[in-house]
């Protein structure tokens, strides 16, 4: 099997006057005729378009997203680093939606095996499901982060081939074997969320965060993002005034600059191995503004990637400071770790007795405020929810 069997060449290459030497369009390896040789350590990031929108509820047209994104992304300047990015073209829509899912799963999986991070552009957010399935053979628990104003737990009876952009999360939660350890959502808006769904999230000890939680500072999102292996970003999570190119866009959401900061945090996450940007519909764009915002978001993701601190796993130990705090009732001693390099924090949550033979504790990114709470004798909610998932 060759990845070229699933991918078609990029049709858009350059403007009439070409690119400047500093433009990404002149720095990227772009699949236009001969398929690039993909080996470990040849590229860091691969861009993949997906021309599939049959299950994008009320947002048909997202299949055209990738080429509109490329027009803007190629014209951006490279940052203060040497990029090793390959654009592998587009995955065409299969005979059925399931065929497209298989192609997405295989392409993402094969790229991760050779340590190339896939950046998926285009299509409905139902493509999060095959993105998730790409992790099936890794034999490890996965932390999934979704940036979305909804939970997408609706009934999927209307979907072609069994799932939609509004119900894919059901498929992930019910998938067997179950290799999802944690689900996080940032940016949900309460009036779009069924109260029963909130109860389900609470029962499963998942990390869900309202849009309003980030009103004072988007930096609160950093440790949540740092915990993810994979990310799915719904462009409808951005307010319509900043990203109108979505039939489901709404007045409230993240600002464009906040979306860019989220993407930079994502790029800096040493654990992250794939990211998808979904629901961008060029049919609703105005003067290419949403295409440009998406291009800038991916630019910030790349910038974050090339500024990774390589702090996960937390080695060598000499680069970290350990702090201990005891609860008021003396029932637990909580252990925190702080990086000397970046000042970022992690919390050690012990595995229940006999659960793990190889490791004594589970590391979860946290904030300085969590340490302050523990130092005051209170149990951080993040510690408790993580421990419950380990049981």
Foldseek 3Di string as FASTA:
>chain_A
DDLVVQFDFQPDQADPVGADCQFQSNQEAGGHDDQDDDAAPQAAAEEEEEQAAQQQPQQPFQSPQPNLLCHQLRRDGADPDRHRYYYRHYGYCDPFNVVSLVSLLVVLLVCVVSNHFYEYGTYALLNVLSNVVNCVPVPAAFEEEEEDQEPLCDAAPPGTPGHHSSRSVVCLVPDPPNRHLEYEYEAHAVVRYDVVVVVVCVVLLHHYYHNVVCVVHLVQCLLVLLQGQEYEYEPLQEACVQQVQASNHHHDHHHLVSLLVSLLSNLQRPNYRYYYYYRRHPVGDDPSRNSNSVSSSVSSSVVSVVVHPPCPPPPDPVQKDKDWFAAPVRPDIWIKIAGNVPRWIWTWAAAPPPLDPPDGTDIGTDHVVCVVCRNVRHHDSSNVSSRVSRD
